Every structure is written in C-alpha cells, then in structure tokens.
Amino acid sequence: MPSFAADLTALGYCALCLDMWCFGERSVRTELDTFKEMLWKGQVLWGMMVYDSLRGLDYLLTRPEVDTARIGTLGMSMGSTMAWWTAALDRRLKVCVDICCLTDYQALIETNNLKGHGVYYFVPGLLKHFTTARINALIAPRPHLATAGNHDALTPAAGLNRIDRELRAVYQSLDRPNNWHLLRYDVGHAEPPEMRRDILAFLRERL
C-alpha cells in the first residue's frame, strides 16, 4: 500500500513522519553498530527512537495549524510498535492505530522467532517489568485500533489472543469496551486495501 500521507492530508489531518535512527536519511550506520555503541554508553536504541517520537509530539503542539486536543499516532511494522509505545507513554495522544506489529513478547519467544525483529526492538530488562499487554493497557481508556495478519510470523496468533483478552478486560473495567479493537485479516506482514479502509474509517470516527 502507498504511504498514508496522501490519505491523511486529504482528510484534513496534519501529519508528521520522522526518520528514525538507522532509517531513511539517518541510515548512516547499521542498526547493530548503533545498538552496540549505545549499550556501551548506557543508552538503548529503541529508547532513543521513542524519545525522538515524543519530542516530535512536542513540536506538533507548537504548530498553529494543529488541534492539540486531537492528536493521534499511527504506524506500520516498526511504526506500529512505535505507535503503541508512544501512546502508552504520553496521554496527549488521544488515539492509537498500530498496523501489523502488536507482538506479544512471550509468544515470540515461544515460537522461536526473535530473529524476525531487528535489534533496535530489544530493550534490556523489559520482561522483568512488562508484558506487551501491560504496556498497551497504559493507553486505556483512549481509543486504540490494532490490525494484524493471520499469517504474520512477527505477531503470533496465540500472543494476539492473549493481548486481546487482557485488553478487553482492561477496557471493560474502565467502562470503555468499544474503545479497543483488534481486527485480523487473511494476510501476512502486509496491509491489504480493506485494512486501509478500516483504519481510515476508525480515524474519521475517533479523531
């Protein structure tokens, strides 16, 4: 599918898309070299990426054309994980849409597919404190749409079931059961046209 830029701006949204560390114009070094150097310096590559997104949100709030009460986050694959991490960390984000990367960490271990994700994805000590569902629970009760492919090895089905079950309970306990949605499609790690249609409909309704 093409970039969301044309679809979002056609609907009247302002959109900010940052090049992450090691991607786009910032791909001057490999992920592995950057990750290793940061570990030596007491930093974590994923943490630095998330920090950039949070600072990007700070910048959006300074723009006169931006409605600061109606800001959402959306991303595909790595951007999907970025969407739910930043929404969990910053309540200024009113809506979250994550596309094809709501990955249950334990399920990824169980299916022996840690190799499927880039090294940027891994945060030392994370599993001592959080599961994927517990991070996503921090978004509640704000509207959150997750989309996934039934044949996507990066998001094992058992893990999606576990996250869905836990988040349904969280949103129900906050009396906002209709604010959490997990939609699945008969694809792999991809965004088919019907997924795009469902995402844009969700944004029109919730943002």
Protein backbone atom coordinates (compact mmCIF):
# COMPACT_ATOMS: atom_id res chain seq x y z
CA MET A 1 0.00 0.00 0.00
CA PRO A 2 1.19 3.57 -0.60
CA SER A 3 2.13 5.94 2.19
CA PHE A 4 -0.64 7.21 4.44
CA ALA A 5 0.42 10.81 3.72
CA ALA A 6 -1.97 11.43 0.84
CA ASP A 7 -4.92 9.74 2.57
CA LEU A 8 -4.41 11.61 5.84
CA THR A 9 -3.90 15.04 4.35
CA ALA A 10 -6.90 14.51 2.06
CA LEU A 11 -8.98 14.07 5.22
CA GLY A 12 -7.61 17.33 6.61
CA TYR A 13 -5.11 15.91 9.07
CA CYS A 14 -1.68 17.42 9.63
CA ALA A 15 0.94 14.66 9.59
CA LEU A 16 4.49 14.38 10.90
CA CYS A 17 6.66 11.43 9.89
CA LEU A 18 10.15 11.23 11.36
CA ASP A 19 13.10 9.25 10.04
CA MET A 20 14.10 7.01 12.93
CA TRP A 21 17.68 6.21 13.90
CA CYS A 22 19.23 3.98 11.19
CA PHE A 23 16.35 4.61 8.73
CA GLY A 24 15.87 6.97 5.78
CA GLU A 25 18.29 9.90 5.79
CA ARG A 26 19.56 8.73 9.18
CA SER A 27 20.74 5.34 7.87
CA VAL A 28 24.42 6.28 8.05
CA ARG A 29 25.31 3.28 10.27
CA THR A 30 23.91 -0.20 10.72
CA GLU A 31 21.38 -0.95 13.44
CA LEU A 32 23.78 -3.41 15.07
CA ASP A 33 26.70 -0.94 15.25
CA THR A 34 24.43 1.78 16.62
CA PHE A 35 22.85 -0.60 19.15
CA LYS A 36 26.23 -1.82 20.43
CA GLU A 37 27.73 1.66 20.80
CA MET A 38 24.66 2.88 22.65
CA LEU A 39 24.86 -0.04 25.09
CA TRP A 40 28.43 0.94 25.89
CA LYS A 41 27.25 4.49 26.55
CA GLY A 42 24.33 3.41 28.73
CA GLN A 43 21.70 4.09 26.09
CA VAL A 44 19.18 1.86 24.30
CA LEU A 45 18.45 2.29 20.60
CA TRP A 46 14.70 1.76 20.98
CA GLY A 47 14.63 4.24 23.84
CA MET A 48 16.30 6.86 21.67
CA MET A 49 13.79 6.20 18.89
CA VAL A 50 10.84 6.58 21.25
CA TYR A 51 12.39 9.75 22.68
CA ASP A 52 12.52 11.25 19.18
CA SER A 53 8.83 10.49 18.70
CA LEU A 54 7.96 12.16 22.00
CA ARG A 55 9.95 15.23 21.00
CA GLY A 56 8.17 15.18 17.65
CA LEU A 57 4.91 15.39 19.58
CA ASP A 58 6.31 18.39 21.49
CA TYR A 59 6.99 20.06 18.14
CA LEU A 60 3.50 19.34 16.80
CA LEU A 61 2.00 21.11 19.80
CA THR A 62 3.80 24.32 18.79
CA ARG A 63 2.26 24.39 15.30
CA PRO A 64 -0.64 26.86 14.90
CA GLU A 65 -2.46 24.60 12.40
CA VAL A 66 -2.54 21.63 14.80
CA ASP A 67 -5.56 20.97 17.02
CA THR A 68 -3.72 19.97 20.19
CA ALA A 69 -6.80 18.21 21.58
CA ARG A 70 -6.99 15.85 18.60
CA ILE A 71 -3.60 14.23 18.05
CA GLY A 72 -3.20 10.57 17.21
CA THR A 73 -0.40 8.19 16.35
CA LEU A 74 -0.27 5.58 13.59
CA GLY A 75 2.37 3.27 12.20
CA MET A 76 3.09 0.07 10.30
CA SER A 77 5.53 -2.66 11.41
CA MET A 78 8.25 -0.87 13.41
CA GLY A 79 5.97 2.17 13.27
CA SER A 80 3.22 0.04 14.80
CA THR A 81 5.33 -0.70 17.85
CA MET A 82 6.30 2.97 17.97
CA ALA A 83 2.63 3.94 17.93
CA TRP A 84 1.67 1.87 20.97
CA TRP A 85 4.81 2.70 22.94
CA THR A 86 4.41 6.45 22.46
CA ALA A 87 0.67 6.35 23.15
CA ALA A 88 1.37 4.38 26.34
CA LEU A 89 3.92 6.96 27.46
CA ASP A 90 2.14 10.18 26.52
CA ARG A 91 -1.52 10.83 27.22
CA ARG A 92 -1.52 13.83 24.88
CA LEU A 93 -2.04 11.23 22.15
CA LYS A 94 -5.80 10.73 22.01
CA VAL A 95 -5.96 7.85 19.51
CA CYS A 96 -3.61 4.98 18.65
CA VAL A 97 -3.60 2.87 15.48
CA ASP A 98 -0.98 0.14 15.19
CA ILE A 99 -0.63 -1.87 11.99
CA CYS A 100 0.95 -5.35 11.86
CA CYS A 101 3.22 -5.36 14.89
CA LEU A 102 1.26 -5.85 18.10
CA THR A 103 3.65 -8.60 19.13
CA ASP A 104 3.35 -10.47 22.40
CA TYR A 105 6.94 -10.83 23.56
CA GLN A 106 6.43 -14.18 25.28
CA ALA A 107 4.69 -15.63 22.21
CA LEU A 108 7.64 -14.53 20.07
CA ILE A 109 9.97 -16.48 22.37
CA GLU A 110 7.66 -19.49 22.32
CA THR A 111 7.64 -19.56 18.51
CA ASN A 112 11.44 -19.16 18.34
CA ASN A 113 11.24 -16.07 16.14
CA LEU A 114 13.21 -13.38 17.95
CA LYS A 115 15.27 -13.21 14.75
CA GLY A 116 12.23 -11.81 12.94
CA HIS A 117 12.62 -8.39 14.56
CA GLY A 118 15.54 -6.01 14.17
CA VAL A 119 17.94 -5.49 17.07
CA TYR A 120 16.51 -1.99 17.64
CA TYR A 121 13.39 -3.72 19.02
CA PHE A 122 15.01 -5.14 22.15
CA VAL A 123 15.12 -3.34 25.49
CA PRO A 124 17.33 -4.82 28.24
CA GLY A 125 15.38 -5.97 31.29
CA LEU A 126 11.96 -5.20 29.80
CA LEU A 127 10.39 -8.57 30.58
CA LYS A 128 11.21 -8.16 34.27
CA HIS A 129 8.63 -5.39 34.42
CA PHE A 130 6.22 -5.51 31.47
CA THR A 131 4.36 -7.68 29.02
CA THR A 132 3.09 -6.32 25.72
CA ALA A 133 -0.44 -6.25 27.13
CA ARG A 134 0.66 -4.30 30.20
CA ILE A 135 2.32 -1.63 28.04
CA ASN A 136 -0.79 -1.36 25.89
CA ALA A 137 -3.03 -1.19 28.96
CA LEU A 138 -1.44 2.21 29.67
CA ILE A 139 -3.24 3.53 26.58
CA ALA A 140 -6.66 2.72 28.03
CA PRO A 141 -9.29 4.06 28.05
CA ARG A 142 -8.29 6.04 24.93
CA PRO A 143 -9.39 4.64 21.53
CA HIS A 144 -6.96 2.04 20.19
CA LEU A 145 -7.21 0.09 16.95
CA ALA A 146 -4.79 -2.75 16.25
CA THR A 147 -4.68 -4.60 12.92
CA ALA A 148 -2.86 -7.85 12.25
CA GLY A 149 -2.36 -10.54 9.61
CA ASN A 150 -3.41 -14.08 10.45
CA HIS A 151 -0.26 -15.39 8.75
CA ASP A 152 2.22 -12.86 10.15
CA ALA A 153 5.07 -14.66 11.95
CA LEU A 154 6.02 -11.41 13.68
CA THR A 155 2.70 -11.40 15.56
CA PRO A 156 1.97 -14.99 16.64
CA ALA A 157 -1.74 -15.77 16.91
CA ALA A 158 -1.51 -17.07 20.49
CA GLY A 159 0.05 -13.79 21.53
CA LEU A 160 -2.61 -11.72 19.79
CA ASN A 161 -5.27 -13.77 21.58
CA ARG A 162 -3.59 -13.11 24.92
CA ILE A 163 -3.29 -9.36 24.32
CA ASP A 164 -6.85 -9.12 23.06
CA ARG A 165 -8.21 -10.98 26.08
CA GLU A 166 -6.30 -8.81 28.56
CA LEU A 167 -7.10 -5.50 26.88
CA ARG A 168 -10.79 -6.38 26.56
CA ALA A 169 -10.83 -6.83 30.32
CA VAL A 170 -8.98 -3.56 30.93
CA TYR A 171 -11.27 -1.51 28.71
CA GLN A 172 -14.34 -3.20 30.17
CA SER A 173 -13.17 -2.35 33.70
CA LEU A 174 -12.86 1.30 32.64
CA ASP A 175 -16.35 1.25 31.10
CA ARG A 176 -14.98 1.86 27.60
CA PRO A 177 -15.28 -1.55 25.92
CA ASN A 178 -15.84 -0.01 22.47
CA ASN A 179 -12.52 1.85 22.56
CA TRP A 180 -10.40 -1.27 21.99
CA HIS A 181 -10.47 -3.10 18.65
CA LEU A 182 -8.27 -5.84 17.21
CA LEU A 183 -9.00 -6.56 13.54
CA ARG A 184 -7.39 -9.52 11.77
CA TYR A 185 -7.01 -10.15 8.07
CA ASP A 186 -6.06 -13.18 5.99
CA VAL A 187 -2.59 -11.86 5.10
CA GLY A 188 0.98 -12.00 6.36
CA HIS A 189 3.00 -8.93 7.35
CA ALA A 190 1.10 -6.65 4.99
CA GLU A 191 -1.62 -4.02 4.78
CA PRO A 192 -4.34 -5.03 2.30
CA PRO A 193 -6.77 -2.42 0.91
CA GLU A 194 -9.56 -3.46 3.28
CA MET A 195 -7.26 -2.83 6.24
CA ARG A 196 -6.55 0.69 4.98
CA ARG A 197 -10.30 1.33 4.60
CA ASP A 198 -10.98 0.15 8.17
CA ILE A 199 -8.18 2.30 9.59
CA LEU A 200 -9.33 5.47 7.84
CA ALA A 201 -12.91 4.82 8.97
CA PHE A 202 -11.69 4.45 12.55
CA LEU A 203 -9.77 7.73 12.35
CA ARG A 204 -12.72 9.57 10.89
CA GLU A 205 -14.90 8.34 13.74
CA ARG A 206 -12.47 8.75 16.64
CA LEU A 207 -10.23 11.68 15.67
